[in-house]
N, C-alpha and C. Protein backbone atom coordinates (compact mmCIF):
# COMPACT_ATOMS: atom_id res chain seq x y z
N MET A 1 4.88 -4.73 2.08
CA MET A 1 3.71 -5.24 2.86
C MET A 1 3.97 -6.11 3.92
N VAL A 2 4.74 -7.14 2.97
CA VAL A 2 5.34 -8.24 4.30
C VAL A 2 6.43 -7.68 4.50
N TRP A 3 7.22 -6.89 4.93
CA TRP A 3 8.49 -6.18 5.75
C TRP A 3 7.19 -5.51 7.09
N ALA A 4 6.47 -4.80 6.56
CA ALA A 4 5.63 -3.97 7.33
C ALA A 4 4.66 -4.72 8.56
N TYR A 5 4.61 -6.27 8.09
CA TYR A 5 3.65 -7.13 8.83
C TYR A 5 4.87 -7.78 9.53
N ARG A 6 5.92 -8.22 8.99
CA ARG A 6 6.78 -9.08 10.00
C ARG A 6 7.71 -8.30 10.97
N ASN A 7 7.44 -6.95 10.32
CA ASN A 7 8.76 -5.66 11.13
C ASN A 7 8.30 -4.56 12.08
N CYS A 8 9.00 -4.41 13.13
CA CYS A 8 8.39 -3.08 13.70
C CYS A 8 9.83 -2.11 13.21
N GLY A 9 9.34 -1.16 13.06
CA GLY A 9 10.56 0.31 12.97
C GLY A 9 10.53 0.70 11.40
N ILE A 10 11.27 0.92 11.06
CA ILE A 10 11.51 1.70 9.34
C ILE A 10 12.66 1.22 8.54
N THR A 11 12.69 0.70 7.23
CA THR A 11 13.59 0.53 6.47
C THR A 11 13.17 1.33 4.96
N ARG A 12 14.68 1.19 4.47
CA ARG A 12 14.22 1.81 3.35
C ARG A 12 14.03 0.88 2.12
N TRP A 13 13.76 1.25 1.09
CA TRP A 13 13.32 0.18 -0.14
C TRP A 13 14.54 -0.57 -0.37
N GLY A 14 15.73 0.57 -0.72
CA GLY A 14 17.04 -0.16 -0.75
C GLY A 14 17.66 -1.29 0.17
N GLU A 15 17.20 -1.36 1.49
CA GLU A 15 17.44 -2.36 2.78
C GLU A 15 16.56 -3.88 2.21
N LEU A 16 15.44 -3.73 1.38
CA LEU A 16 14.39 -4.92 1.11
C LEU A 16 15.19 -5.82 0.33
N GLY A 17 15.46 -5.91 -0.47
CA GLY A 17 16.36 -6.19 -1.02
C GLY A 17 15.37 -6.69 -2.60
N ALA A 18 15.10 -7.97 -3.09
CA ALA A 18 14.16 -8.05 -4.27
C ALA A 18 13.14 -8.80 -3.58
N ASN A 19 12.25 -8.56 -2.57
CA ASN A 19 11.54 -9.00 -1.61
C ASN A 19 10.24 -7.95 -1.51
N ASP A 20 9.94 -7.55 -3.06
CA ASP A 20 8.82 -6.87 -3.43
C ASP A 20 7.68 -7.88 -4.18
N SER A 21 7.33 -9.12 -3.92
CA SER A 21 6.12 -9.76 -4.24
C SER A 21 5.18 -8.99 -5.36
N GLN A 22 4.61 -7.95 -4.81
CA GLN A 22 3.53 -7.66 -5.05
C GLN A 22 3.74 -6.21 -6.45
N GLY A 23 5.10 -6.33 -6.34
CA GLY A 23 5.47 -5.20 -7.56
C GLY A 23 5.19 -3.61 -7.35
N VAL A 24 4.88 -3.60 -5.84
CA VAL A 24 5.21 -1.86 -5.19
C VAL A 24 6.23 -1.13 -5.61
N ILE A 25 6.93 -1.75 -5.66
CA ILE A 25 8.30 -0.59 -5.41
C ILE A 25 8.79 -0.62 -7.02
N GLU A 26 8.31 -1.43 -7.87
CA GLU A 26 8.44 -1.41 -9.88
C GLU A 26 7.10 -0.35 -9.85
N LEU A 27 5.89 -0.45 -9.42
CA LEU A 27 5.10 0.38 -9.76
C LEU A 27 5.15 1.74 -9.00
N ALA A 28 5.79 2.39 -8.21
CA ALA A 28 6.03 3.60 -7.85
C ALA A 28 7.51 4.15 -8.61
N ARG A 29 8.05 3.51 -9.30
CA ARG A 29 9.07 3.65 -9.63
C ARG A 29 8.39 4.32 -10.97
N ALA A 30 7.64 3.44 -11.62
CA ALA A 30 6.66 3.70 -13.30
C ALA A 30 6.34 5.03 -12.98
N HIS A 31 6.06 5.50 -11.72
CA HIS A 31 5.60 6.84 -11.51
C HIS A 31 6.71 8.06 -11.16
N GLY A 32 7.57 7.74 -11.16
CA GLY A 32 8.87 8.62 -10.59
C GLY A 32 9.15 8.98 -9.60
N LEU A 33 8.42 7.67 -8.37
CA LEU A 33 8.87 7.62 -6.91
C LEU A 33 9.97 6.61 -7.14
N ASN A 34 11.11 7.30 -7.00
CA ASN A 34 12.46 6.31 -7.11
C ASN A 34 13.01 5.86 -5.19
N PHE A 35 12.89 6.43 -4.71
CA PHE A 35 13.18 6.55 -3.36
C PHE A 35 11.91 6.12 -2.56
N GLY A 36 12.24 5.28 -1.06
CA GLY A 36 11.37 4.95 -0.55
C GLY A 36 11.62 4.42 0.62
N ALA A 37 10.38 4.50 2.02
CA ALA A 37 10.33 3.60 2.80
C ALA A 37 9.24 3.29 3.38
N VAL A 38 9.66 2.04 3.90
CA VAL A 38 8.33 1.55 5.04
C VAL A 38 8.72 1.92 6.66
N ALA A 39 7.82 2.28 7.31
CA ALA A 39 7.47 2.49 8.80
C ALA A 39 6.51 1.22 9.15
N SER A 40 6.63 0.71 10.30
CA SER A 40 5.18 -0.30 11.15
C SER A 40 5.47 -0.71 12.25
N PHE A 41 4.51 0.14 13.04
CA PHE A 41 4.36 0.10 14.38
C PHE A 41 3.24 -1.22 14.80
N LEU A 42 3.67 -2.12 16.18
CA LEU A 42 3.07 -3.17 16.52
C LEU A 42 2.95 -2.91 18.13
N ASP A 43 1.71 -2.04 18.62
CA ASP A 43 1.47 -1.90 20.51
C ASP A 43 1.54 -3.23 20.66
N ALA A 44 1.92 -2.97 22.33
CA ALA A 44 1.68 -3.92 22.94
C ALA A 44 0.87 -4.43 23.64
N GLY A 45 -0.43 -3.92 23.39
CA GLY A 45 -1.79 -4.52 24.29
C GLY A 45 -2.00 -5.67 23.50
N ASP A 46 -3.24 -6.03 24.11
CA ASP A 46 -3.67 -7.77 23.43
C ASP A 46 -4.07 -7.48 22.49
N ALA A 47 -4.56 -6.36 21.72
CA ALA A 47 -5.41 -6.22 20.31
C ALA A 47 -4.13 -6.22 19.43
N GLY A 48 -3.17 -6.01 19.89
CA GLY A 48 -1.97 -6.23 18.68
C GLY A 48 -2.48 -5.35 17.56
N GLN A 49 -2.54 -3.85 18.01
CA GLN A 49 -2.67 -3.18 16.69
C GLN A 49 -1.75 -3.08 15.69
N ARG A 50 -1.89 -2.72 14.73
CA ARG A 50 -0.52 -2.09 13.66
C ARG A 50 -1.32 -1.51 12.87
N SER A 51 0.14 -0.49 12.74
CA SER A 51 -0.09 0.58 11.70
C SER A 51 1.39 0.66 11.14
N PHE A 52 0.96 1.07 9.83
CA PHE A 52 2.19 1.29 9.21
C PHE A 52 2.11 2.24 7.71
N GLY A 53 3.04 2.55 7.36
CA GLY A 53 3.23 3.89 6.07
C GLY A 53 4.13 3.64 5.34
N PHE A 54 3.64 4.19 3.93
CA PHE A 54 4.74 4.03 3.14
C PHE A 54 4.80 5.29 2.62
N PHE A 55 6.33 5.85 2.76
CA PHE A 55 6.55 6.89 2.51
C PHE A 55 7.52 7.16 0.72
N PHE A 56 7.41 7.94 -0.50
CA PHE A 56 7.96 8.05 -1.02
C PHE A 56 8.83 9.17 -1.61
N ARG A 57 9.53 9.41 -2.71
CA ARG A 57 10.16 10.61 -2.86
C ARG A 57 10.56 10.44 -4.26
N SER A 58 11.14 11.37 -5.25
CA SER A 58 11.86 10.98 -6.14
C SER A 58 13.07 11.52 -6.73
N ASP A 59 13.15 12.20 -5.37
CA ASP A 59 14.66 13.15 -5.57
C ASP A 59 15.94 12.45 -5.07
N ARG A 60 15.91 11.85 -3.91
CA ARG A 60 16.74 11.37 -3.53
C ARG A 60 16.65 9.95 -1.97
N ASP A 61 17.64 9.41 -1.97
CA ASP A 61 16.70 8.71 -0.25
C ASP A 61 16.78 9.08 1.01
N TYR A 62 16.27 8.69 1.58
CA TYR A 62 15.86 9.42 2.80
C TYR A 62 16.93 9.62 4.17
N LYS A 63 17.27 10.62 4.47
CA LYS A 63 18.56 10.52 5.40
C LYS A 63 18.14 9.82 6.77
N THR A 64 19.30 9.53 7.70
CA THR A 64 18.45 8.67 9.04
C THR A 64 17.87 9.71 9.31
N GLU A 65 17.90 10.85 9.79
CA GLU A 65 17.09 11.91 10.71
C GLU A 65 15.83 11.71 9.78
N GLU A 66 15.45 11.79 8.81
CA GLU A 66 14.39 11.69 8.60
C GLU A 66 13.75 10.23 8.56
N MET A 67 14.12 9.19 8.33
CA MET A 67 13.52 8.09 8.91
C MET A 67 13.15 8.31 10.23
N GLN A 68 13.77 8.79 11.16
CA GLN A 68 13.70 8.51 12.77
C GLN A 68 12.32 9.28 12.73
N LEU A 69 12.55 10.63 12.24
CA LEU A 69 11.39 11.48 12.49
C LEU A 69 10.00 10.71 11.28
N LEU A 70 10.33 10.08 10.64
CA LEU A 70 8.78 9.07 9.89
C LEU A 70 8.50 8.30 10.68
N ASN A 71 9.33 8.10 11.51
CA ASN A 71 8.92 6.71 12.63
C ASN A 71 8.29 7.21 13.55
N GLU A 72 9.09 8.01 14.15
CA GLU A 72 7.92 8.81 15.43
C GLU A 72 6.60 9.49 14.98
N LEU A 73 7.05 10.06 13.80
CA LEU A 73 5.22 10.23 13.31
C LEU A 73 4.27 9.38 13.21
N LEU A 74 4.80 8.05 12.75
CA LEU A 74 4.25 7.31 12.67
C LEU A 74 3.44 6.51 13.83
N ILE A 75 4.18 6.63 14.76
CA ILE A 75 4.42 5.88 16.28
C ILE A 75 3.14 6.98 17.13
N GLN A 76 3.38 7.84 17.15
CA GLN A 76 2.29 9.37 17.33
C GLN A 76 0.90 9.23 16.64
N SER A 77 1.03 9.17 15.65
CA SER A 77 -0.18 9.13 15.15
C SER A 77 -0.83 7.39 15.36
N HIS A 78 -0.30 6.66 15.47
CA HIS A 78 -1.05 5.29 15.74
C HIS A 78 -1.25 5.33 17.75
N LEU A 79 -1.03 5.87 18.08
CA LEU A 79 -1.23 6.27 19.68
C LEU A 79 -2.58 7.08 19.66
N ALA A 80 -2.05 8.11 18.79
CA ALA A 80 -3.44 9.43 18.83
C ALA A 80 -4.66 8.95 18.36
N HIS A 81 -4.35 7.86 17.77
CA HIS A 81 -5.95 6.75 17.06
C HIS A 81 -6.13 5.52 17.64
N ALA A 82 -5.42 5.25 18.66
CA ALA A 82 -5.54 3.79 19.09
C ALA A 82 -6.88 3.42 20.09
N ARG A 83 -7.55 2.28 19.94
CA ARG A 83 -8.91 1.89 20.76
C ARG A 83 -8.06 2.26 22.13
N PRO A 84 -9.07 2.68 23.23
CA PRO A 84 -9.08 2.78 24.45
C PRO A 84 -9.21 1.61 25.17
N ARG A 85 -8.66 1.09 26.12
CA ARG A 85 -8.34 -0.11 26.82
C ARG A 85 -9.42 -0.05 27.63
N ASN A 86 -9.44 1.07 28.55
CA ASN A 86 -9.72 1.80 29.65
C ASN A 86 -11.73 1.90 29.97
N LEU A 87 -12.41 1.69 28.89
CA LEU A 87 -13.34 1.88 29.06
C LEU A 87 -14.26 1.20 29.83
N THR A 88 -15.28 1.63 30.85
CA THR A 88 -16.05 0.54 31.42
C THR A 88 -17.25 -0.23 30.62
N ALA A 89 -17.77 -1.30 31.00
CA ALA A 89 -19.17 -1.71 30.31
C ALA A 89 -20.07 -0.97 30.37
N ALA A 90 -19.85 -0.40 31.48
CA ALA A 90 -21.07 0.58 31.65
C ALA A 90 -20.96 2.12 30.89
N GLU A 91 -19.72 2.69 30.62
CA GLU A 91 -19.44 3.39 29.75
C GLU A 91 -19.58 2.91 28.34
N LEU A 92 -19.52 1.90 27.84
CA LEU A 92 -19.87 1.38 26.55
C LEU A 92 -21.23 1.05 26.20
N GLU A 93 -21.65 0.60 27.32
CA GLU A 93 -23.25 0.17 27.56
C GLU A 93 -24.15 1.49 27.07
N THR A 94 -24.10 2.84 28.01
CA THR A 94 -24.13 4.19 27.94
C THR A 94 -23.90 4.46 26.49
N LEU A 95 -22.92 4.67 26.39
CA LEU A 95 -22.60 4.69 24.48
C LEU A 95 -23.32 4.31 23.18
N SER A 96 -23.51 3.00 23.57
CA SER A 96 -24.63 2.30 22.68
C SER A 96 -25.58 2.78 22.66
N LEU A 97 -26.24 3.13 23.82
CA LEU A 97 -27.49 3.65 24.02
C LEU A 97 -27.60 5.08 23.29
N VAL A 98 -26.62 5.96 23.27
CA VAL A 98 -26.51 7.42 22.63
C VAL A 98 -26.50 6.78 20.83
N LYS A 99 -25.82 6.38 21.02
CA LYS A 99 -25.86 5.90 19.63
C LYS A 99 -26.85 5.26 18.70
N ASN A 100 -27.83 5.15 19.82
CA ASN A 100 -29.27 4.26 18.87
C ASN A 100 -30.00 5.62 18.93
N GLY A 101 -29.66 6.69 19.53
CA GLY A 101 -30.55 8.15 19.11
C GLY A 101 -31.50 8.19 20.69
N LEU A 102 -31.15 7.47 21.81
CA LEU A 102 -32.03 7.68 22.60
C LEU A 102 -31.46 8.77 23.78
N LEU A 103 -32.48 9.55 24.65
CA LEU A 103 -31.52 10.59 25.57
C LEU A 103 -31.07 10.48 26.96
N MET A 104 -30.32 11.13 27.36
CA MET A 104 -30.38 10.71 28.37
C MET A 104 -31.29 10.59 29.37
N LYS A 105 -32.32 10.91 29.69
CA LYS A 105 -33.57 10.50 30.11
C LYS A 105 -33.49 9.56 30.27
N GLU A 106 -33.82 9.17 28.93
CA GLU A 106 -34.51 7.79 28.59
C GLU A 106 -33.42 6.49 28.61
N ILE A 107 -31.79 6.78 28.87
CA ILE A 107 -31.46 6.21 29.11
C ILE A 107 -30.96 6.03 30.31
N ALA A 108 -31.33 6.53 31.05
CA ALA A 108 -31.56 6.83 32.74
C ALA A 108 -32.70 5.89 33.17
N CYS A 109 -33.89 6.27 32.66
CA CYS A 109 -34.87 5.33 32.97
C CYS A 109 -34.50 3.60 32.58
N LEU A 110 -34.21 3.57 31.61
CA LEU A 110 -34.00 2.05 30.60
C LEU A 110 -32.54 1.34 31.40
N LEU A 111 -32.06 1.90 32.26
CA LEU A 111 -30.68 1.37 33.01
C LEU A 111 -31.32 1.55 34.36
N GLY A 112 -32.31 1.90 34.65
CA GLY A 112 -32.80 2.13 35.97
C GLY A 112 -31.53 2.47 37.17
N ILE A 113 -31.10 4.22 36.49
CA ILE A 113 -29.81 4.68 37.29
C ILE A 113 -30.70 5.99 37.23
N SER A 114 -29.93 7.32 37.84
CA SER A 114 -30.34 9.20 37.62
C SER A 114 -29.52 9.28 36.16
N GLU A 115 -29.84 10.37 35.75
CA GLU A 115 -30.03 11.32 35.01
C GLU A 115 -28.11 11.69 34.97
N SER A 116 -27.71 11.31 36.21
CA SER A 116 -26.18 12.52 36.76
C SER A 116 -25.30 10.99 36.48
N ALA A 117 -25.90 10.11 36.79
CA ALA A 117 -25.12 8.89 36.59
C ALA A 117 -24.67 8.74 35.41
N ILE A 118 -25.66 8.99 34.09
CA ILE A 118 -25.75 9.00 32.87
C ILE A 118 -24.83 9.66 32.29
N LYS A 119 -24.52 10.96 32.92
CA LYS A 119 -23.74 12.01 32.49
C LYS A 119 -22.73 12.25 32.73
N GLN A 120 -22.34 11.44 33.89
CA GLN A 120 -20.88 11.54 34.18
C GLN A 120 -20.15 10.00 33.78
N ARG A 121 -21.25 9.09 33.13
CA ARG A 121 -20.25 8.07 32.47
C ARG A 121 -19.89 8.91 31.05
N LEU A 122 -21.21 9.24 30.61
CA LEU A 122 -20.73 9.89 28.87
C LEU A 122 -19.11 11.33 29.42
N LYS A 123 -19.32 11.57 30.46
CA LYS A 123 -17.80 12.92 30.48
C LYS A 123 -16.61 12.30 30.56
N SER A 124 -16.82 10.49 31.61
CA SER A 124 -15.78 9.87 31.35
C SER A 124 -15.56 9.21 30.13
N ALA A 125 -15.93 8.67 29.47
CA ALA A 125 -15.67 8.08 28.00
C ALA A 125 -15.82 8.84 27.07
N ARG A 126 -16.16 10.41 27.30
CA ARG A 126 -16.02 10.95 26.51
C ARG A 126 -14.50 11.41 26.13
N VAL A 127 -13.34 11.75 27.19
CA VAL A 127 -12.36 11.99 28.18
C VAL A 127 -11.47 11.06 27.57
N LYS A 128 -11.96 9.75 27.98
CA LYS A 128 -11.20 8.26 27.28
C LYS A 128 -11.25 8.26 25.72
N LEU A 129 -12.15 8.62 25.02
CA LEU A 129 -12.40 8.90 23.90
C LEU A 129 -11.74 10.42 23.10
N ASN A 130 -11.29 11.30 24.05
CA ASN A 130 -11.06 12.24 23.09
C ASN A 130 -12.06 12.67 22.10
N ALA A 131 -13.37 13.26 23.04
CA ALA A 131 -14.29 13.60 22.26
C ALA A 131 -15.02 15.07 22.48
N LYS A 132 -15.58 15.72 22.40
CA LYS A 132 -16.26 16.75 22.74
C LYS A 132 -17.64 16.70 23.50
N THR A 133 -18.44 15.46 22.63
CA THR A 133 -20.09 15.02 23.14
C THR A 133 -20.06 13.48 23.10
N GLY A 134 -21.13 13.43 23.61
CA GLY A 134 -21.56 12.46 23.80
C GLY A 134 -21.75 11.69 23.01
N SER A 135 -22.18 12.71 21.85
CA SER A 135 -22.46 11.63 20.18
C SER A 135 -21.01 11.60 19.50
N GLN A 136 -20.02 12.41 20.21
CA GLN A 136 -19.01 12.33 19.25
C GLN A 136 -18.54 11.05 19.77
N ALA A 137 -18.01 10.83 20.69
CA ALA A 137 -17.82 9.90 21.92
C ALA A 137 -18.67 8.13 21.45
N ALA A 138 -19.56 8.51 21.11
CA ALA A 138 -20.01 7.41 20.65
C ALA A 138 -19.74 6.91 18.96
N ALA A 139 -19.65 8.14 18.46
CA ALA A 139 -19.22 7.65 16.98
C ALA A 139 -18.02 7.47 16.81
N ARG A 140 -17.12 7.68 17.72
CA ARG A 140 -15.49 7.48 18.02
C ARG A 140 -15.78 5.80 17.96
N ALA A 141 -16.50 5.96 19.02
CA ALA A 141 -16.48 4.17 20.04
C ALA A 141 -16.82 3.17 18.77
N THR A 142 -18.08 3.59 18.12
CA THR A 142 -18.40 2.73 16.47
C THR A 142 -17.09 2.60 15.39
N MET A 143 -16.76 3.61 15.47
CA MET A 143 -15.83 3.64 14.24
C MET A 143 -14.20 2.74 14.86
N LEU A 144 -14.38 2.64 15.66
CA LEU A 144 -13.21 1.71 16.58
C LEU A 144 -13.72 0.32 16.67
N GLY A 145 -14.88 0.24 16.36
CA GLY A 145 -15.61 -1.43 16.46
C GLY A 145 -15.46 -1.58 18.14
N MET A 146 -16.11 -0.67 18.94
CA MET A 146 -16.08 -1.22 20.62
C MET A 146 -17.66 -1.25 20.68
N ILE A 147 -18.25 -0.59 19.93
CA ILE A 147 -19.78 -0.41 19.94
C ILE A 147 -20.41 -0.75 18.84
């Protein structure tokens, strides 16, 4: 874990030396997982979101090509699940009201704008959050701590 928080990239357990203060590697070995790698990725955004992965195997060390693939998969997964930074305050406000169970007509009345404006806000938020419905977008925004 220390390596994952202090570094970006990927390394084999064997390259960590004795830096296993929590005994994770020894615990894995007790279960027959004698080889492993740790990958870490930190995005460059303001939030500095970090993803890391621990990979284990019993038969042999990871090859360089496998290490590169594991690192690429971690980065792809991180980017696919990252918090979008381009939602507007109006889109977040609308998603919050959807989350609270209000209908489009009620949201439009409450905000003093047209239903078509609400539909456009939800459409834009859905695209940015990769969601199929307004409710799904609201749930994803909630899960990501945006609303």
